[in-house]
PDB file of N, CA and C in Angstrom:
ATOM      1  N   MET A   1     202.787 198.026  42.508  1.00  0.00           N
ATOM      2  CA  MET A   1     203.111 199.383  42.129  1.00  0.00           C
ATOM      3  C   MET A   1     204.146 199.347  41.022  1.00  0.00           C
ATOM      4  N   ALA A   2     203.857 200.015  39.929  1.00  0.00           N
ATOM      5  CA  ALA A   2     204.758 200.020  38.782  1.00  0.00           C
ATOM      6  C   ALA A   2     205.830 201.083  38.962  1.00  0.00           C
ATOM      7  N   HIS A   3     207.062 200.667  38.775  1.00  0.00           N
ATOM      8  CA  HIS A   3     208.161 201.625  38.776  1.00  0.00           C
ATOM      9  C   HIS A   3     209.273 201.073  37.901  1.00  0.00           C
ATOM     10  N   ILE A   4     210.041 201.952  37.315  1.00  0.00           N
ATOM     11  CA  ILE A   4     211.153 201.542  36.467  1.00  0.00           C
ATOM     12  C   ILE A   4     212.407 202.302  36.884  1.00  0.00           C
ATOM     13  N   ILE A   5     213.553 201.748  36.547  1.00  0.00           N
ATOM     14  CA  ILE A   5     214.827 202.406  36.807  1.00  0.00           C
ATOM     15  C   ILE A   5     215.387 202.839  35.462  1.00  0.00           C
ATOM     16  N   VAL A   6     215.646 204.136  35.331  1.00  0.00           N
ATOM     17  CA  VAL A   6     216.138 204.698  34.080  1.00  0.00           C
ATOM     18  C   VAL A   6     217.654 204.824  34.169  1.00  0.00           C
ATOM     19  N   ASP A   7     218.337 204.234  33.177  1.00  0.00           N
ATOM     20  CA  ASP A   7     219.795 204.356  33.107  1.00  0.00           C
ATOM     21  C   ASP A   7     220.170 205.747  32.605  1.00  0.00           C
ATOM     22  N   ASP A   8     221.409 206.138  32.843  1.00  0.00           N
ATOM     23  CA  ASP A   8     221.881 207.452  32.397  1.00  0.00           C
ATOM     24  C   ASP A   8     221.892 207.570  30.876  1.00  0.00           C
ATOM     25  N   ASN A   9     222.229 206.491  30.187  1.00  0.00           N
ATOM     26  CA  ASN A   9     222.324 206.563  28.730  1.00  0.00           C
ATOM     27  C   ASN A   9     221.042 206.137  28.020  1.00  0.00           C
ATOM     28  N   GLU A  10     219.977 205.860  28.753  1.00  0.00           N
ATOM     29  CA  GLU A  10     218.710 205.439  28.148  1.00  0.00           C
ATOM     30  C   GLU A  10     217.884 206.658  27.751  1.00  0.00           C
ATOM     31  N   MET A  11     217.259 206.561  26.570  1.00  0.00           N
ATOM     32  CA  MET A  11     216.417 207.670  26.102  1.00  0.00           C
ATOM     33  C   MET A  11     215.138 207.720  26.927  1.00  0.00           C
ATOM     34  N   LEU A  12     214.662 208.924  27.195  1.00  0.00           N
ATOM     35  CA  LEU A  12     213.471 209.112  28.029  1.00  0.00           C
ATOM     36  C   LEU A  12     212.229 208.497  27.382  1.00  0.00           C
ATOM     37  N   GLU A  13     212.097 208.629  26.058  1.00  0.00           N
ATOM     38  CA  GLU A  13     210.927 208.082  25.364  1.00  0.00           C
ATOM     39  C   GLU A  13     210.847 206.563  25.529  1.00  0.00           C
ATOM     40  N   LYS A  14     211.999 205.910  25.478  1.00  0.00           N
ATOM     41  CA  LYS A  14     212.045 204.460  25.636  1.00  0.00           C
ATOM     42  C   LYS A  14     211.625 204.061  27.055  1.00  0.00           C
ATOM     43  N   ALA A  15     212.069 204.830  28.029  1.00  0.00           N
ATOM     44  CA  ALA A  15     211.698 204.555  29.422  1.00  0.00           C
ATOM     45  C   ALA A  15     210.200 204.757  29.643  1.00  0.00           C
ATOM     46  N   ILE A  16     209.648 205.780  29.012  1.00  0.00           N
ATOM     47  CA  ILE A  16     208.208 206.034  29.140  1.00  0.00           C
ATOM     48  C   ILE A  16     207.413 204.889  28.529  1.00  0.00           C
ATOM     49  N   LYS A  17     207.859 204.395  27.368  1.00  0.00           N
ATOM     50  CA  LYS A  17     207.172 203.265  26.735  1.00  0.00           C
ATOM     51  C   LYS A  17     207.220 202.030  27.634  1.00  0.00           C
ATOM     52  N   ARG A  18     208.378 201.773  28.258  1.00  0.00           N
ATOM     53  CA  ARG A  18     208.489 200.640  29.181  1.00  0.00           C
ATOM     54  C   ARG A  18     207.524 200.793  30.347  1.00  0.00           C
ATOM     55  N   PHE A  19     207.447 202.027  30.879  1.00  0.00           N
ATOM     56  CA  PHE A  19     206.548 202.294  32.002  1.00  0.00           C
ATOM     57  C   PHE A  19     205.097 202.074  31.597  1.00  0.00           C
ATOM     58  N   LYS A  20     204.710 202.576  30.418  1.00  0.00           N
ATOM     59  CA  LYS A  20     203.325 202.408  29.948  1.00  0.00           C
ATOM     60  C   LYS A  20     202.972 200.934  29.786  1.00  0.00           C
ATOM     61  N   ARG A  21     203.903 200.156  29.222  1.00  0.00           N
ATOM     62  CA  ARG A  21     203.666 198.721  29.056  1.00  0.00           C
ATOM     63  C   ARG A  21     203.479 198.046  30.404  1.00  0.00           C
ATOM     64  N   MET A  22     204.314 198.419  31.370  1.00  0.00           N
ATOM     65  CA  MET A  22     204.235 197.820  32.690  1.00  0.00           C
ATOM     66  C   MET A  22     202.909 198.159  33.373  1.00  0.00           C
ATOM     67  N   VAL A  23     202.484 199.411  33.259  1.00  0.00           N
ATOM     68  CA  VAL A  23     201.224 199.846  33.870  1.00  0.00           C
ATOM     69  C   VAL A  23     200.050 199.103  33.235  1.00  0.00           C
ATOM     70  N   GLU A  24     200.082 198.964  31.917  1.00  0.00           N
ATOM     71  CA  GLU A  24     198.992 198.265  31.231  1.00  0.00           C
ATOM     72  C   GLU A  24     198.977 196.782  31.605  1.00  0.00           C
ATOM     73  N   LYS A  25     200.146 196.194  31.718  1.00  0.00           N
ATOM     74  CA  LYS A  25     200.247 194.780  32.075  1.00  0.00           C
ATOM     75  C   LYS A  25     199.688 194.531  33.471  1.00  0.00           C
ATOM     76  N   GLU A  26     199.953 195.441  34.387  1.00  0.00           N
ATOM     77  CA  GLU A  26     199.447 195.298  35.753  1.00  0.00           C
ATOM     78  C   GLU A  26     197.979 195.661  35.879  1.00  0.00           C
ATOM     79  N   GLY A  27     197.407 196.328  34.871  1.00  0.00           N
ATOM     80  CA  GLY A  27     195.990 196.670  34.892  1.00  0.00           C
ATOM     81  C   GLY A  27     195.662 197.851  35.782  1.00  0.00           C
ATOM     82  N   VAL A  28     196.594 198.755  35.970  1.00  0.00           N
ATOM     83  CA  VAL A  28     196.394 199.892  36.866  1.00  0.00           C
ATOM     84  C   VAL A  28     195.303 200.818  36.329  1.00  0.00           C
ATOM     85  N   ILE A  29     195.370 201.146  35.048  1.00  0.00           N
ATOM     86  CA  ILE A  29     194.404 202.084  34.468  1.00  0.00           C
ATOM     87  C   ILE A  29     193.013 201.468  34.445  1.00  0.00           C
ATOM     88  N   ARG A  30     192.923 200.180  34.089  1.00  0.00           N
ATOM     89  CA  ARG A  30     191.629 199.498  34.064  1.00  0.00           C
ATOM     90  C   ARG A  30     191.004 199.495  35.455  1.00  0.00           C
ATOM     91  N   GLU A  31     191.818 199.236  36.459  1.00  0.00           N
ATOM     92  CA  GLU A  31     191.338 199.215  37.842  1.00  0.00           C
ATOM     93  C   GLU A  31     190.887 200.606  38.281  1.00  0.00           C
ATOM     94  N   PHE A  32     191.629 201.635  37.881  1.00  0.00           N
ATOM     95  CA  PHE A  32     191.259 203.004  38.227  1.00  0.00           C
ATOM     96  C   PHE A  32     189.913 203.368  37.626  1.00  0.00           C
ATOM     97  N   LYS A  33     189.713 203.041  36.343  1.00  0.00           N
ATOM     98  CA  LYS A  33     188.448 203.363  35.685  1.00  0.00           C
ATOM     99  C   LYS A  33     187.297 202.605  36.328  1.00  0.00           C
ATOM    100  N   LYS A  34     187.566 201.368  36.760  1.00  0.00           N
ATOM    101  CA  LYS A  34     186.528 200.566  37.399  1.00  0.00           C
ATOM    102  C   LYS A  34     186.119 201.170  38.743  1.00  0.00           C
ATOM    103  N   ARG A  35     187.065 201.745  39.458  1.00  0.00           N
ATOM    104  CA  ARG A  35     186.787 202.277  40.793  1.00  0.00           C
ATOM    105  C   ARG A  35     186.509 203.780  40.805  1.00  0.00           C
ATOM    106  N   GLU A  36     186.450 204.383  39.636  1.00  0.00           N
ATOM    107  CA  GLU A  36     186.268 205.828  39.570  1.00  0.00           C
ATOM    108  C   GLU A  36     184.930 206.265  40.159  1.00  0.00           C
ATOM    109  N   TYR A  37     183.888 205.465  39.923  1.00  0.00           N
ATOM    110  CA  TYR A  37     182.560 205.768  40.439  1.00  0.00           C
ATOM    111  C   TYR A  37     182.058 204.565  41.227  1.00  0.00           C
ATOM    112  N   TYR A  38     181.202 204.840  42.201  1.00  0.00           N
ATOM    113  CA  TYR A  38     180.611 203.758  42.983  1.00  0.00           C
ATOM    114  C   TYR A  38     179.624 203.001  42.114  1.00  0.00           C
ATOM    115  N   GLU A  39     179.660 201.686  42.212  1.00  0.00           N
ATOM    116  CA  GLU A  39     178.743 200.843  41.473  1.00  0.00           C
ATOM    117  C   GLU A  39     178.035 199.933  42.470  1.00  0.00           C
ATOM    118  N   LYS A  40     176.716 199.911  42.392  1.00  0.00           N
ATOM    119  CA  LYS A  40     175.946 199.100  43.326  1.00  0.00           C
ATOM    120  C   LYS A  40     176.266 197.626  43.124  1.00  0.00           C
ATOM    121  N   PRO A  41     176.207 196.840  44.191  1.00  0.00           N
ATOM    122  CA  PRO A  41     176.482 195.402  44.067  1.00  0.00           C
ATOM    123  C   PRO A  41     175.556 194.701  43.065  1.00  0.00           C
ATOM    124  N   SER A  42     174.301 195.121  43.005  1.00  0.00           N
ATOM    125  CA  SER A  42     173.383 194.496  42.045  1.00  0.00           C
ATOM    126  C   SER A  42     173.805 194.807  40.607  1.00  0.00           C
ATOM    127  N   THR A  43     174.314 195.999  40.367  1.00  0.00           N
ATOM    128  CA  THR A  43     174.783 196.369  39.032  1.00  0.00           C
ATOM    129  C   THR A  43     176.004 195.545  38.651  1.00  0.00           C
ATOM    130  N   ILE A  44     176.893 195.332  39.602  1.00  0.00           N
ATOM    131  CA  ILE A  44     178.077 194.510  39.350  1.00  0.00           C
ATOM    132  C   ILE A  44     177.657 193.094  38.991  1.00  0.00           C
ATOM    133  N   LEU A  45     176.701 192.548  39.738  1.00  0.00           N
ATOM    134  CA  LEU A  45     176.217 191.196  39.487  1.00  0.00           C
ATOM    135  C   LEU A  45     175.586 191.087  38.103  1.00  0.00           C
ATOM    136  N   ASN A  46     174.761 192.084  37.744  1.00  0.00           N
ATOM    137  CA  ASN A  46     174.126 192.072  36.419  1.00  0.00           C
ATOM    138  C   ASN A  46     175.168 192.147  35.314  1.00  0.00           C
ATOM    139  N   ARG A  47     176.186 192.965  35.477  1.00  0.00           N
ATOM    140  CA  ARG A  47     177.231 193.098  34.468  1.00  0.00           C
ATOM    141  C   ARG A  47     177.980 191.781  34.289  1.00  0.00           C
ATOM    142  N   LYS A  48     178.271 191.108  35.398  1.00  0.00           N
ATOM    143  CA  LYS A  48     178.974 189.829  35.329  1.00  0.00           C
ATOM    144  C   LYS A  48     178.118 188.761  34.653  1.00  0.00           C
ATOM    145  N   LYS A  49     176.814 188.736  34.957  1.00  0.00           N
ATOM    146  CA  LYS A  49     175.912 187.771  34.328  1.00  0.00           C
ATOM    147  C   LYS A  49     175.836 187.992  32.822  1.00  0.00           C
ATOM    148  N   LYS A  50     175.744 189.268  32.407  1.00  0.00           N
ATOM    149  CA  LYS A  50     175.689 189.574  30.975  1.00  0.00           C
ATOM    150  C   LYS A  50     176.985 189.167  30.286  1.00  0.00           C
ATOM    151  N   SER A  51     178.101 189.369  30.959  1.00  0.00           N
ATOM    152  CA  SER A  51     179.386 188.984  30.392  1.00  0.00           C
ATOM    153  C   SER A  51     179.462 187.472  30.194  1.00  0.00           C
ATOM    154  N   ILE A  52     179.000 186.723  31.159  1.00  0.00           N
ATOM    155  CA  ILE A  52     178.997 185.263  31.060  1.00  0.00           C
ATOM    156  C   ILE A  52     178.079 184.821  29.924  1.00  0.00           C
ATOM    157  N   GLN A  53     176.900 185.455  29.796  1.00  0.00           N
ATOM    158  CA  GLN A  53     175.973 185.120  28.713  1.00  0.00           C
ATOM    159  C   GLN A  53     176.617 185.377  27.358  1.00  0.00           C
ATOM    160  N   ARG A  54     177.309 186.529  27.215  1.00  0.00           N
ATOM    161  CA  ARG A  54     177.977 186.844  25.952  1.00  0.00           C
ATOM    162  C   ARG A  54     179.027 185.801  25.610  1.00  0.00           C
ATOM    163  N   LYS A  55     179.802 185.388  26.607  1.00  0.00           N
ATOM    164  CA  LYS A  55     180.831 184.380  26.377  1.00  0.00           C
ATOM    165  C   LYS A  55     180.222 183.055  25.940  1.00  0.00           C
ATOM    166  N   LEU A  56     179.117 182.656  26.585  1.00  0.00           N
ATOM    167  CA  LEU A  56     178.463 181.398  26.220  1.00  0.00           C
ATOM    168  C   LEU A  56     177.876 181.458  24.813  1.00  0.00           C
ATOM    169  N   MET A  57     177.275 182.589  24.461  1.00  0.00           N
ATOM    170  CA  MET A  57     176.715 182.748  23.111  1.00  0.00           C
ATOM    171  C   MET A  57     177.825 182.679  22.075  1.00  0.00           C
ATOM    172  N   LYS A  58     178.934 183.332  22.335  1.00  0.00           N
ATOM    173  CA  LYS A  58     180.058 183.328  21.406  1.00  0.00           C
ATOM    174  C   LYS A  58     180.610 181.912  21.254  1.00  0.00           C
ATOM    175  N   LYS A  59     180.703 181.201  22.369  1.00  0.00           N
ATOM    176  CA  LYS A  59     181.215 179.839  22.344  1.00  0.00           C
ATOM    177  C   LYS A  59     180.269 178.920  21.570  1.00  0.00           C
ATOM    178  N   SER A  60     178.961 179.090  21.748  1.00  0.00           N
ATOM    179  CA  SER A  60     177.997 178.243  21.045  1.00  0.00           C
ATOM    180  C   SER A  60     177.992 178.549  19.543  1.00  0.00           C
ATOM    181  N   ARG A  61     178.223 179.809  19.164  1.00  0.00           N
ATOM    182  CA  ARG A  61     178.287 180.162  17.743  1.00  0.00           C
ATOM    183  C   ARG A  61     179.521 179.571  17.074  1.00  0.00           C
ATOM    184  N   LYS A  62     180.619 179.493  17.804  1.00  0.00           N
ATOM    185  CA  LYS A  62     181.843 178.928  17.251  1.00  0.00           C
ATOM    186  C   LYS A  62     181.690 177.441  16.977  1.00  0.00           C
ATOM    187  N   GLY A  63     180.967 176.716  17.821  1.00  0.00           N
ATOM    188  CA  GLY A  63     180.815 175.284  17.680  1.00  0.00           C
ATOM    189  C   GLY A  63     179.828 174.863  16.613  1.00  0.00           C
ATOM    190  N   ARG A  64     178.995 175.805  16.150  1.00  0.00           N
ATOM    191  CA  ARG A  64     177.966 175.498  15.164  1.00  0.00           C
ATOM    192  C   ARG A  64     178.604 175.399  13.769  1.00  0.00           C
ATOM    193  N   PRO A  65     178.266 174.351  13.002  1.00  0.00           N
ATOM    194  CA  PRO A  65     178.850 174.230  11.660  1.00  0.00           C
ATOM    195  C   PRO A  65     178.239 175.241  10.693  1.00  0.00           C
ATOM    196  N   GLU A  66     179.027 175.704   9.734  1.00  0.00           N
ATOM    197  CA  GLU A  66     178.584 176.644   8.711  1.00  0.00           C
ATOM    198  C   GLU A  66     177.982 175.871   7.551  1.00  0.00           C
ATOM    199  N   TYR A  67     176.914 176.376   6.947  1.00  0.00           N
ATOM    200  CA  TYR A  67     176.292 175.741   5.786  1.00  0.00           C
ATOM    201  C   TYR A  67     176.491 176.541   4.562  1.00  0.00           C
TER     202      TYR A  67
END
């Protein structure tokens, strides 16, 4: 759970920026968007397989010499 302690002499905008960075670092918003709607287990599996395929294709393209 993200929380920050704001000092009396600290500007509110600076505290908000710190909070936003902390929330993004912990992945709270990403997790919320992922859980916003129900996703079937087969859909999750297909998405993960496609992600792995994309990573492998990208890796194979990087290793190929340019002509």
